[in-house]
Amino acid sequence: MNLVAAPTFQADPASMSPAGVATRAHLLTLTCEDRPGIVARVSAIIAKLGGNISESAQFWERSDNGFYMRIAFSTSSAVVPDVMRRALQPTVEQFGLKARLTDAERSPRIIVLVSKFDHCLQHILYQVRVGWLKATVAAIVSNHRDSERTAELAGIPFHWLPVTKDSKAEQESRVLALIDETNAELVVLARYMQVLSDGFTSTLAGHVINIHHSFLPSFKGAKPYHQAHERGVKLIGATAHYVTPELDEGPIIEQETERVTHALSPEDYVAVGRNIEARVLARAVKLHVEQRVLLNGTKTVVF
C-alpha cells in the first residue's frame, strides 16, 4: 500500500534563504534503543553537509529505554535526498535507527471518510484552504451523499460508497484501491460512522486517524451527548487517535475537554461537542502530517 510506504520526497521547488541561496527544508524522525552519541552523530552529519537545524525535539522512554527524535533542518538545494540518505546510512546501521527522511515542503495527500455529520470535514477543508493545514485532500469518501455538494464546491473528487453488512469487504477493497490510485498517505475518519474491519485497520496501521467523543465507554450508542446531559456531566470532550482492531482504543494523538453546566440544553451539549471534535481532529491531522507523532507501542510521543 502506498499509504504504508509513503514516498519520501516529491519534486517541490526549493525555497530561498534570507541570503538568497536556494535551500530545501527536511524533516528527520528516528526511533531506536537509547545509546550515548545519537544526537551528536546525527547533528554532526547535518552540520557537515552545511545544514542548519531549525527545530529539534527528543524523548527518552524510561520503561523500555526507547529513544525518539524529530529534527527540522535546511540545506542547500544541491544536497539532494540521496546524498542525505547515504550520509546517514552508517549511523542508521550503527545505532539500529528506524529513520524517516522527508521533504518538509511537500503536501501529503489525505483521504477523508465521512458519513452524515460533516462538521469535522468542513473544518479540515477550511484549514487546508487557509494554509494552516498543509495537506492535499485527494478524495472524500462517504456511505451517504450528504457531502457530495461540499466536495463539488471544493473541487475534490467525491466517492459515494454505500456499505451494508454483506458489502463491507467489497467497499473497503474499493477504499484501499482509491488509496493506491491517489497516492494517499493518511485516511481521516471525520465522523465516519462505520466500524472498520480488522484487516483494513491492520493494513493501514498508523495511517488512519479517528475522532470520537470522550464519553466512551460510559455513553455508547445513539445520542451520547443527550445521555451525558441526562447524567449531569460537567466536562465533555473529544479524542483523536490512530485506528486499531480494538475499537476506539488506538494510540491517542490529541484530546480536549470543555466545561458545561446544568443551564445548557442537550442541543447545547451537541454544539459544544461538535466544535471540540472538529478542532481536535484537525490538530491531530496537522501533528501527523508534520511528522510530530511517533508511535510508542500503545501510546504516542507527540513533539
C-alpha atoms as a PDB file:
ATOM      1  CA  MET A   1       0.000   0.000   0.000  1.00  0.00           C
ATOM      2  CA  ASN A   2       1.230   3.496  -0.819  1.00  0.00           C
ATOM      3  CA  LEU A   3      -0.159   4.620   2.489  1.00  0.00           C
ATOM      4  CA  VAL A   4       2.279   2.429   4.399  1.00  0.00           C
ATOM      5  CA  ALA A   5       5.280   3.018   2.162  1.00  0.00           C
ATOM      6  CA  ALA A   6       4.802   6.752   1.595  1.00  0.00           C
ATOM      7  CA  PRO A   7       7.109   8.495  -0.886  1.00  0.00           C
ATOM      8  CA  THR A   8       9.997  10.168   0.912  1.00  0.00           C
ATOM      9  CA  PHE A   9      10.334  13.150  -1.399  1.00  0.00           C
ATOM     10  CA  GLN A  10       8.368  14.928  -4.079  1.00  0.00           C
ATOM     11  CA  ALA A  11       9.655  17.406  -6.625  1.00  0.00           C
ATOM     12  CA  ASP A  12       8.756  20.553  -4.685  1.00  0.00           C
ATOM     13  CA  PRO A  13      10.701  23.673  -5.674  1.00  0.00           C
ATOM     14  CA  ALA A  14      13.482  24.762  -3.355  1.00  0.00           C
ATOM     15  CA  SER A  15      12.827  27.815  -1.202  1.00  0.00           C
ATOM     16  CA  MET A  16      15.174  30.751  -0.763  1.00  0.00           C
ATOM     17  CA  SER A  17      17.131  31.598   2.380  1.00  0.00           C
ATOM     18  CA  PRO A  18      17.304  35.222   3.590  1.00  0.00           C
ATOM     19  CA  ALA A  19      20.715  35.421   1.889  1.00  0.00           C
ATOM     20  CA  GLY A  20      19.146  34.477  -1.437  1.00  0.00           C
ATOM     21  CA  VAL A  21      20.613  30.970  -1.542  1.00  0.00           C
ATOM     22  CA  ALA A  22      18.280  28.213  -2.705  1.00  0.00           C
ATOM     23  CA  THR A  23      17.565  25.845   0.164  1.00  0.00           C
ATOM     24  CA  ARG A  24      15.472  22.789   0.851  1.00  0.00           C
ATOM     25  CA  ALA A  25      13.741  22.001   4.151  1.00  0.00           C
ATOM     26  CA  HIS A  26      13.923  18.485   5.565  1.00  0.00           C
ATOM     27  CA  LEU A  27      12.278  16.523   8.366  1.00  0.00           C
ATOM     28  CA  LEU A  28      14.053  13.626  10.038  1.00  0.00           C
ATOM     29  CA  THR A  29      12.381  11.380  12.599  1.00  0.00           C
ATOM     30  CA  LEU A  30      14.036   8.432  14.267  1.00  0.00           C
ATOM     31  CA  THR A  31      13.425   5.829  16.937  1.00  0.00           C
ATOM     32  CA  CYS A  32      15.795   3.309  18.455  1.00  0.00           C
ATOM     33  CA  GLU A  33      17.128   1.938  21.727  1.00  0.00           C
ATOM     34  CA  ASP A  34      18.752   4.768  23.625  1.00  0.00           C
ATOM     35  CA  ARG A  35      22.545   4.884  23.478  1.00  0.00           C
ATOM     36  CA  PRO A  36      25.110   7.656  24.006  1.00  0.00           C
ATOM     37  CA  GLY A  37      26.122   9.645  20.953  1.00  0.00           C
ATOM     38  CA  ILE A  38      22.991   9.503  18.776  1.00  0.00           C
ATOM     39  CA  VAL A  39      22.152  13.201  18.927  1.00  0.00           C
ATOM     40  CA  ALA A  40      25.771  14.246  18.478  1.00  0.00           C
ATOM     41  CA  ARG A  41      26.290  11.955  15.489  1.00  0.00           C
ATOM     42  CA  VAL A  42      23.126  12.975  13.642  1.00  0.00           C
ATOM     43  CA  SER A  43      23.723  16.668  14.316  1.00  0.00           C
ATOM     44  CA  ALA A  44      27.308  16.377  13.093  1.00  0.00           C
ATOM     45  CA  ILE A  45      26.168  14.800   9.825  1.00  0.00           C
ATOM     46  CA  ILE A  46      23.713  17.637   9.206  1.00  0.00           C
ATOM     47  CA  ALA A  47      26.406  20.214  10.017  1.00  0.00           C
ATOM     48  CA  LYS A  48      28.951  18.513   7.740  1.00  0.00           C
ATOM     49  CA  LEU A  49      26.501  18.864   4.843  1.00  0.00           C
ATOM     50  CA  GLY A  50      26.064  22.557   5.607  1.00  0.00           C
ATOM     51  CA  GLY A  51      22.656  22.070   7.174  1.00  0.00           C
ATOM     52  CA  ASN A  52      21.009  24.379   9.684  1.00  0.00           C
ATOM     53  CA  ILE A  53      18.786  22.855  12.386  1.00  0.00           C
ATOM     54  CA  SER A  54      15.671  24.961  12.961  1.00  0.00           C
ATOM     55  CA  GLU A  55      13.848  22.657  15.370  1.00  0.00           C
ATOM     56  CA  SER A  56      14.883  19.647  17.432  1.00  0.00           C
ATOM     57  CA  ALA A  57      12.990  17.569  19.995  1.00  0.00           C
ATOM     58  CA  GLN A  58      13.818  14.286  21.685  1.00  0.00           C
ATOM     59  CA  PHE A  59      12.395  11.948  24.299  1.00  0.00           C
ATOM     60  CA  TRP A  60      13.715   9.037  26.344  1.00  0.00           C
ATOM     61  CA  GLU A  61      11.151   6.400  27.364  1.00  0.00           C
ATOM     62  CA  ARG A  62      12.416   5.088  30.688  1.00  0.00           C
ATOM     63  CA  SER A  63      10.231   1.984  30.744  1.00  0.00           C
ATOM     64  CA  ASP A  64      11.894   0.345  27.729  1.00  0.00           C
ATOM     65  CA  ASN A  65      14.898   2.612  27.079  1.00  0.00           C
ATOM     66  CA  GLY A  66      13.374   3.798  23.806  1.00  0.00           C
ATOM     67  CA  PHE A  67      14.670   6.955  22.137  1.00  0.00           C
ATOM     68  CA  TYR A  68      12.561   9.240  19.933  1.00  0.00           C
ATOM     69  CA  MET A  69      13.697  12.273  17.981  1.00  0.00           C
ATOM     70  CA  ARG A  70      12.431  14.769  15.391  1.00  0.00           C
ATOM     71  CA  ILE A  71      14.682  17.277  13.633  1.00  0.00           C
ATOM     72  CA  ALA A  72      13.687  20.004  11.170  1.00  0.00           C
ATOM     73  CA  PHE A  73      16.589  21.407   9.198  1.00  0.00           C
ATOM     74  CA  SER A  74      17.500  23.030   5.907  1.00  0.00           C
ATOM     75  CA  THR A  75      20.359  22.517   3.490  1.00  0.00           C
ATOM     76  CA  SER A  76      21.489  23.882   0.181  1.00  0.00           C
ATOM     77  CA  SER A  77      19.234  22.689  -2.617  1.00  0.00           C
ATOM     78  CA  ALA A  78      22.307  20.924  -4.016  1.00  0.00           C
ATOM     79  CA  VAL A  79      22.085  18.421  -1.141  1.00  0.00           C
ATOM     80  CA  VAL A  80      19.668  16.014  -2.788  1.00  0.00           C
ATOM     81  CA  PRO A  81      17.813  13.320  -0.803  1.00  0.00           C
ATOM     82  CA  ASP A  82      20.123  10.518  -1.887  1.00  0.00           C
ATOM     83  CA  VAL A  83      23.107  12.448  -0.540  1.00  0.00           C
ATOM     84  CA  MET A  84      21.386  12.802   2.841  1.00  0.00           C
ATOM     85  CA  ARG A  85      20.477   9.126   2.934  1.00  0.00           C
ATOM     86  CA  ARG A  86      23.983   7.979   2.092  1.00  0.00           C
ATOM     87  CA  ALA A  87      25.426  10.272   4.748  1.00  0.00           C
ATOM     88  CA  LEU A  88      23.014   8.963   7.383  1.00  0.00           C
ATOM     89  CA  GLN A  89      23.205   5.271   6.477  1.00  0.00           C
ATOM     90  CA  PRO A  90      26.298   4.336   8.565  1.00  0.00           C
ATOM     91  CA  THR A  91      24.710   5.920  11.640  1.00  0.00           C
ATOM     92  CA  VAL A  92      21.386   4.201  10.928  1.00  0.00           C
ATOM     93  CA  GLU A  93      23.192   0.853  10.865  1.00  0.00           C
ATOM     94  CA  GLN A  94      25.402   1.582  13.872  1.00  0.00           C
ATOM     95  CA  PHE A  95      22.576   2.571  16.200  1.00  0.00           C
ATOM     96  CA  GLY A  96      19.793   0.471  14.655  1.00  0.00           C
ATOM     97  CA  LEU A  97      17.779   3.561  13.856  1.00  0.00           C
ATOM     98  CA  LYS A  98      14.298   3.387  12.410  1.00  0.00           C
ATOM     99  CA  ALA A  99      14.550   6.642  10.479  1.00  0.00           C
ATOM    100  CA  ARG A 100      12.378   8.582   8.055  1.00  0.00           C
ATOM    101  CA  LEU A 101      13.658  11.491   5.998  1.00  0.00           C
ATOM    102  CA  THR A 102      11.158  13.626   4.082  1.00  0.00           C
ATOM    103  CA  ASP A 103      10.819  16.932   2.308  1.00  0.00           C
ATOM    104  CA  ALA A 104       9.257  19.369   4.781  1.00  0.00           C
ATOM    105  CA  GLU A 105       7.730  21.420   1.964  1.00  0.00           C
ATOM    106  CA  ARG A 106       5.676  18.639   0.432  1.00  0.00           C
ATOM    107  CA  SER A 107       1.894  18.493   0.827  1.00  0.00           C
ATOM    108  CA  PRO A 108       0.851  14.998   1.971  1.00  0.00           C
ATOM    109  CA  ARG A 109      -2.233  13.607   0.267  1.00  0.00           C
ATOM    110  CA  ILE A 110      -5.102  12.519   2.506  1.00  0.00           C
ATOM    111  CA  ILE A 111      -8.483  10.861   2.019  1.00  0.00           C
ATOM    112  CA  VAL A 112     -11.373  11.893   4.263  1.00  0.00           C
ATOM    113  CA  LEU A 113     -14.158   9.431   5.106  1.00  0.00           C
ATOM    114  CA  VAL A 114     -17.404  10.937   6.375  1.00  0.00           C
ATOM    115  CA  SER A 115     -21.000   9.844   6.980  1.00  0.00           C
ATOM    116  CA  LYS A 116     -23.802  12.371   7.556  1.00  0.00           C
ATOM    117  CA  PHE A 117     -22.370  14.786  10.124  1.00  0.00           C
ATOM    118  CA  ASP A 118     -19.906  16.998   8.255  1.00  0.00           C
ATOM    119  CA  HIS A 119     -18.600  19.423  10.899  1.00  0.00           C
ATOM    120  CA  CYS A 120     -15.176  17.748  11.068  1.00  0.00           C
ATOM    121  CA  LEU A 121     -14.930  17.540   7.278  1.00  0.00           C
ATOM    122  CA  GLN A 122     -15.830  21.204   6.867  1.00  0.00           C
ATOM    123  CA  HIS A 123     -13.236  22.275   9.431  1.00  0.00           C
ATOM    124  CA  ILE A 124     -10.481  20.255   7.760  1.00  0.00           C
ATOM    125  CA  LEU A 125     -11.340  21.702   4.350  1.00  0.00           C
ATOM    126  CA  TYR A 126     -11.253  25.230   5.766  1.00  0.00           C
ATOM    127  CA  GLN A 127      -7.896  24.737   7.494  1.00  0.00           C
ATOM    128  CA  VAL A 128      -6.444  23.326   4.267  1.00  0.00           C
ATOM    129  CA  ARG A 129      -7.838  26.262   2.281  1.00  0.00           C
ATOM    130  CA  VAL A 130      -6.317  28.903   4.568  1.00  0.00           C
ATOM    131  CA  GLY A 131      -2.977  27.088   4.687  1.00  0.00           C
ATOM    132  CA  TRP A 132      -2.882  26.200   8.379  1.00  0.00           C
ATOM    133  CA  LEU A 133      -3.095  22.500   7.487  1.00  0.00           C
ATOM    134  CA  LYS A 134      -0.557  21.807   4.753  1.00  0.00           C
ATOM    135  CA  ALA A 135      -2.140  18.798   3.101  1.00  0.00           C
ATOM    136  CA  THR A 136      -3.994  17.938  -0.080  1.00  0.00           C
ATOM    137  CA  VAL A 137      -7.412  16.292   0.225  1.00  0.00           C
ATOM    138  CA  ALA A 138      -7.213  13.814  -2.644  1.00  0.00           C
ATOM    139  CA  ALA A 139     -10.744  12.437  -2.198  1.00  0.00           C
ATOM    140  CA  ILE A 140     -13.815  12.465   0.010  1.00  0.00           C
ATOM    141  CA  VAL A 141     -15.482   9.106   0.567  1.00  0.00           C
ATOM    142  CA  SER A 142     -18.893   8.615   2.139  1.00  0.00           C
ATOM    143  CA  ASN A 143     -21.523   5.954   2.632  1.00  0.00           C
ATOM    144  CA  HIS A 144     -24.106   8.748   2.187  1.00  0.00           C
ATOM    145  CA  ARG A 145     -24.499  11.504  -0.401  1.00  0.00           C
ATOM    146  CA  ASP A 146     -24.873  14.392   2.049  1.00  0.00           C
ATOM    147  CA  SER A 147     -21.356  15.750   1.449  1.00  0.00           C
ATOM    148  CA  GLU A 148     -21.362  15.406  -2.323  1.00  0.00           C
ATOM    149  CA  ARG A 149     -22.131  19.101  -2.849  1.00  0.00           C
ATOM    150  CA  THR A 150     -19.410  20.077  -0.378  1.00  0.00           C
ATOM    151  CA  ALA A 151     -16.851  18.082  -2.354  1.00  0.00           C
ATOM    152  CA  GLU A 152     -18.068  19.589  -5.611  1.00  0.00           C
ATOM    153  CA  LEU A 153     -17.693  23.149  -4.321  1.00  0.00           C
ATOM    154  CA  ALA A 154     -14.197  22.355  -3.040  1.00  0.00           C
ATOM    155  CA  GLY A 155     -13.180  20.746  -6.314  1.00  0.00           C
ATOM    156  CA  ILE A 156     -12.425  17.426  -4.642  1.00  0.00           C
ATOM    157  CA  PRO A 157     -13.438  14.046  -6.121  1.00  0.00           C
ATOM    158  CA  PHE A 158     -16.370  12.544  -4.221  1.00  0.00           C
ATOM    159  CA  HIS A 159     -16.877   8.788  -3.977  1.00  0.00           C
ATOM    160  CA  TRP A 160     -20.234   7.512  -2.807  1.00  0.00           C
ATOM    161  CA  LEU A 161     -19.573   4.016  -1.480  1.00  0.00           C
ATOM    162  CA  PRO A 162     -22.641   2.751   0.388  1.00  0.00           C
ATOM    163  CA  VAL A 163     -21.966  -0.129   2.724  1.00  0.00           C
ATOM    164  CA  THR A 164     -24.041  -2.951   4.157  1.00  0.00           C
ATOM    165  CA  LYS A 165     -23.123  -5.952   6.251  1.00  0.00           C
ATOM    166  CA  ASP A 166     -22.829  -8.034   3.090  1.00  0.00           C
ATOM    167  CA  SER A 167     -20.899  -5.441   1.070  1.00  0.00           C
ATOM    168  CA  LYS A 168     -18.422  -4.237   3.742  1.00  0.00           C
ATOM    169  CA  ALA A 169     -15.472  -6.248   2.397  1.00  0.00           C
ATOM    170  CA  GLU A 170     -16.046  -5.064  -1.159  1.00  0.00           C
ATOM    171  CA  GLN A 171     -16.499  -1.459  -0.057  1.00  0.00           C
ATOM    172  CA  GLU A 172     -13.275  -1.488   1.960  1.00  0.00           C
ATOM    173  CA  SER A 173     -11.425  -3.000  -1.003  1.00  0.00           C
ATOM    174  CA  ARG A 174     -12.581  -0.060  -3.100  1.00  0.00           C
ATOM    175  CA  VAL A 175     -11.294   2.366  -0.464  1.00  0.00           C
ATOM    176  CA  LEU A 176      -7.917   0.599  -0.442  1.00  0.00           C
ATOM    177  CA  ALA A 177      -7.792   0.796  -4.233  1.00  0.00           C
ATOM    178  CA  LEU A 178      -8.573   4.508  -4.052  1.00  0.00           C
ATOM    179  CA  ILE A 179      -5.673   4.996  -1.630  1.00  0.00           C
ATOM    180  CA  ASP A 180      -3.347   3.434  -4.171  1.00  0.00           C
ATOM    181  CA  GLU A 181      -4.797   5.433  -7.064  1.00  0.00           C
ATOM    182  CA  THR A 182      -4.412   8.768  -5.270  1.00  0.00           C
ATOM    183  CA  ASN A 183      -1.079   8.009  -3.552  1.00  0.00           C
ATOM    184  CA  ALA A 184      -2.708   8.991  -0.260  1.00  0.00           C
ATOM    185  CA  GLU A 185      -0.647   8.754   2.901  1.00  0.00           C
ATOM    186  CA  LEU A 186      -3.376   9.196   5.503  1.00  0.00           C
ATOM    187  CA  VAL A 187      -7.035   8.290   5.949  1.00  0.00           C
ATOM    188  CA  VAL A 188      -9.059  10.617   8.173  1.00  0.00           C
ATOM    189  CA  LEU A 189     -12.321   9.391   9.682  1.00  0.00           C
ATOM    190  CA  ALA A 190     -14.268  12.645  10.026  1.00  0.00           C
ATOM    191  CA  ARG A 191     -17.235  11.183  11.918  1.00  0.00           C
ATOM    192  CA  TYR A 192     -17.367   8.153   9.635  1.00  0.00           C
ATOM    193  CA  MET A 193     -19.953   6.032  11.404  1.00  0.00           C
ATOM    194  CA  GLN A 194     -18.803   2.605  10.276  1.00  0.00           C
ATOM    195  CA  VAL A 195     -16.686   0.068  12.149  1.00  0.00           C
ATOM    196  CA  LEU A 196     -13.678  -0.824  10.020  1.00  0.00           C
ATOM    197  CA  SER A 197     -12.629  -4.452   9.673  1.00  0.00           C
ATOM    198  CA  ASP A 198      -9.549  -5.833  11.427  1.00  0.00           C
ATOM    199  CA  GLY A 199      -7.925  -6.475   8.067  1.00  0.00           C
ATOM    200  CA  PHE A 200      -8.417  -2.881   6.926  1.00  0.00           C
ATOM    201  CA  THR A 201      -7.071  -1.341  10.122  1.00  0.00           C
ATOM    202  CA  SER A 202      -4.117  -3.737  10.276  1.00  0.00           C
ATOM    203  CA  THR A 203      -3.156  -2.990   6.685  1.00  0.00           C
ATOM    204  CA  LEU A 204      -3.171   0.757   7.363  1.00  0.00           C
ATOM    205  CA  ALA A 205      -1.797   0.694  10.906  1.00  0.00           C
ATOM    206  CA  GLY A 206      -0.554   4.125  11.935  1.00  0.00           C
ATOM    207  CA  HIS A 207      -2.157   5.783   8.907  1.00  0.00           C
ATOM    208  CA  VAL A 208      -5.830   6.086   9.913  1.00  0.00           C
ATOM    209  CA  ILE A 209      -6.977   8.745  12.389  1.00  0.00           C
ATOM    210  CA  ASN A 210     -10.406   8.723  14.037  1.00  0.00           C
ATOM    211  CA  ILE A 211     -12.295  11.186  16.240  1.00  0.00           C
ATOM    212  CA  HIS A 212     -14.800  10.308  18.928  1.00  0.00           C
ATOM    213  CA  HIS A 213     -16.421  11.968  21.898  1.00  0.00           C
ATOM    214  CA  SER A 214     -14.707  11.389  25.218  1.00  0.00           C
ATOM    215  CA  PHE A 215     -17.667   9.726  26.921  1.00  0.00           C
ATOM    216  CA  LEU A 216     -16.574   6.277  25.795  1.00  0.00           C
ATOM    217  CA  PRO A 217     -17.196   3.789  27.227  1.00  0.00           C
ATOM    218  CA  SER A 218     -19.752   5.468  29.520  1.00  0.00           C
ATOM    219  CA  PHE A 219     -22.266   6.549  26.877  1.00  0.00           C
ATOM    220  CA  LYS A 220     -22.357   4.261  23.892  1.00  0.00           C
ATOM    221  CA  GLY A 221     -24.908   4.102  21.121  1.00  0.00           C
ATOM    222  CA  ALA A 222     -27.211   6.826  19.873  1.00  0.00           C
ATOM    223  CA  LYS A 223     -27.225  10.404  21.193  1.00  0.00           C
ATOM    224  CA  PRO A 224     -24.269  10.242  23.629  1.00  0.00           C
ATOM    225  CA  TYR A 225     -24.486  13.974  24.336  1.00  0.00           C
ATOM    226  CA  HIS A 226     -28.130  13.614  25.321  1.00  0.00           C
ATOM    227  CA  GLN A 227     -27.148  10.745  27.618  1.00  0.00           C
ATOM    228  CA  ALA A 228     -24.427  12.945  29.118  1.00  0.00           C
ATOM    229  CA  HIS A 229     -26.957  15.726  29.697  1.00  0.00           C
ATOM    230  CA  GLU A 230     -29.292  13.343  31.477  1.00  0.00           C
ATOM    231  CA  ARG A 231     -26.451  12.297  33.807  1.00  0.00           C
ATOM    232  CA  GLY A 232     -25.387  15.867  34.549  1.00  0.00           C
ATOM    233  CA  VAL A 233     -21.933  15.577  33.019  1.00  0.00           C
ATOM    234  CA  LYS A 234     -19.782  18.636  33.743  1.00  0.00           C
ATOM    235  CA  LEU A 235     -16.934  18.044  31.275  1.00  0.00           C
ATOM    236  CA  ILE A 236     -17.305  16.927  27.695  1.00  0.00           C
ATOM    237  CA  GLY A 237     -14.556  16.423  25.176  1.00  0.00           C
ATOM    238  CA  ALA A 238     -13.127  14.586  22.202  1.00  0.00           C
ATOM    239  CA  THR A 239     -10.248  12.223  21.475  1.00  0.00           C
ATOM    240  CA  ALA A 240      -8.349  11.758  18.211  1.00  0.00           C
ATOM    241  CA  HIS A 241      -6.447   8.516  17.893  1.00  0.00           C
ATOM    242  CA  TYR A 242      -4.933   6.068  15.458  1.00  0.00           C
ATOM    243  CA  VAL A 243      -7.323   3.300  14.481  1.00  0.00           C
ATOM    244  CA  THR A 244      -6.558  -0.277  15.508  1.00  0.00           C
ATOM    245  CA  PRO A 245      -8.591  -3.506  15.506  1.00  0.00           C
ATOM    246  CA  GLU A 246      -9.512  -2.664  19.125  1.00  0.00           C
ATOM    247  CA  LEU A 247     -12.448  -0.304  18.619  1.00  0.00           C
ATOM    248  CA  ASP A 248     -11.707   3.268  19.796  1.00  0.00           C
ATOM    249  CA  GLU A 249      -8.680   2.106  21.797  1.00  0.00           C
ATOM    250  CA  GLY A 250      -5.833   3.068  19.462  1.00  0.00           C
ATOM    251  CA  PRO A 251      -2.870   5.275  20.418  1.00  0.00           C
ATOM    252  CA  ILE A 252      -4.109   8.741  21.372  1.00  0.00           C
ATOM    253  CA  ILE A 253      -2.811  11.752  19.440  1.00  0.00           C
ATOM    254  CA  GLU A 254      -4.829  14.698  20.778  1.00  0.00           C
ATOM    255  CA  GLN A 255      -7.608  15.442  23.271  1.00  0.00           C
ATOM    256  CA  GLU A 256      -9.580  18.403  24.560  1.00  0.00           C
ATOM    257  CA  THR A 257     -12.305  18.999  27.131  1.00  0.00           C
ATOM    258  CA  GLU A 258     -14.686  21.866  27.843  1.00  0.00           C
ATOM    259  CA  ARG A 259     -16.772  22.606  30.911  1.00  0.00           C
ATOM    260  CA  VAL A 260     -20.559  22.600  30.623  1.00  0.00           C
ATOM    261  CA  THR A 261     -23.233  23.415  33.191  1.00  0.00           C
ATOM    262  CA  HIS A 262     -26.760  22.466  34.174  1.00  0.00           C
ATOM    263  CA  ALA A 263     -28.012  25.579  32.356  1.00  0.00           C
ATOM    264  CA  LEU A 264     -27.211  24.120  28.939  1.00  0.00           C
ATOM    265  CA  SER A 265     -29.684  22.081  26.917  1.00  0.00           C
ATOM    266  CA  PRO A 266     -28.899  18.737  25.248  1.00  0.00           C
ATOM    267  CA  GLU A 267     -28.622  20.615  21.963  1.00  0.00           C
ATOM    268  CA  ASP A 268     -26.045  22.926  23.565  1.00  0.00           C
ATOM    269  CA  TYR A 269     -24.039  19.862  24.588  1.00  0.00           C
ATOM    270  CA  VAL A 270     -24.148  18.630  20.996  1.00  0.00           C
ATOM    271  CA  ALA A 271     -22.986  22.005  19.665  1.00  0.00           C
ATOM    272  CA  VAL A 272     -20.092  22.210  22.126  1.00  0.00           C
ATOM    273  CA  GLY A 273     -19.151  18.628  21.336  1.00  0.00           C
ATOM    274  CA  ARG A 274     -19.116  19.180  17.595  1.00  0.00           C
ATOM    275  CA  ASN A 275     -16.852  22.218  17.945  1.00  0.00           C
ATOM    276  CA  ILE A 276     -14.405  20.262  20.090  1.00  0.00           C
ATOM    277  CA  GLU A 277     -14.444  17.258  17.738  1.00  0.00           C
ATOM    278  CA  ALA A 278     -13.645  19.441  14.726  1.00  0.00           C
ATOM    279  CA  ARG A 279     -10.758  21.225  16.463  1.00  0.00           C
ATOM    280  CA  VAL A 280      -9.205  18.105  17.948  1.00  0.00           C
ATOM    281  CA  LEU A 281      -9.332  16.117  14.705  1.00  0.00           C
ATOM    282  CA  ALA A 282      -7.765  18.949  12.691  1.00  0.00           C
ATOM    283  CA  ARG A 283      -4.957  19.326  15.226  1.00  0.00           C
ATOM    284  CA  ALA A 284      -4.308  15.579  15.181  1.00  0.00           C
ATOM    285  CA  VAL A 285      -4.104  15.553  11.386  1.00  0.00           C
ATOM    286  CA  LYS A 286      -1.733  18.537  11.452  1.00  0.00           C
ATOM    287  CA  LEU A 287       0.511  16.833  14.011  1.00  0.00           C
ATOM    288  CA  HIS A 288       0.596  13.693  11.866  1.00  0.00           C
ATOM    289  CA  VAL A 289       1.367  15.344   8.524  1.00  0.00           C
ATOM    290  CA  GLU A 290       4.119  17.411  10.163  1.00  0.00           C
ATOM    291  CA  GLN A 291       5.597  14.147  11.467  1.00  0.00           C
ATOM    292  CA  ARG A 292       5.279  15.225  15.082  1.00  0.00           C
ATOM    293  CA  VAL A 293       3.706  11.929  16.179  1.00  0.00           C
ATOM    294  CA  LEU A 294       5.846   8.844  16.779  1.00  0.00           C
ATOM    295  CA  LEU A 295       4.256   5.572  17.823  1.00  0.00           C
ATOM    296  CA  ASN A 296       5.396   4.176  21.151  1.00  0.00           C
ATOM    297  CA  GLY A 297       3.577   0.857  21.485  1.00  0.00           C
ATOM    298  CA  THR A 298       0.034   1.629  22.574  1.00  0.00           C
ATOM    299  CA  LYS A 299       0.982   5.272  23.187  1.00  0.00           C
ATOM    300  CA  THR A 300       2.355   8.140  21.136  1.00  0.00           C
ATOM    301  CA  VAL A 301       5.209  10.577  21.509  1.00  0.00           C
ATOM    302  CA  VAL A 302       3.984  13.960  20.255  1.00  0.00           C
ATOM    303  CA  PHE A 303       6.560  16.674  19.583  1.00  0.00           C
END
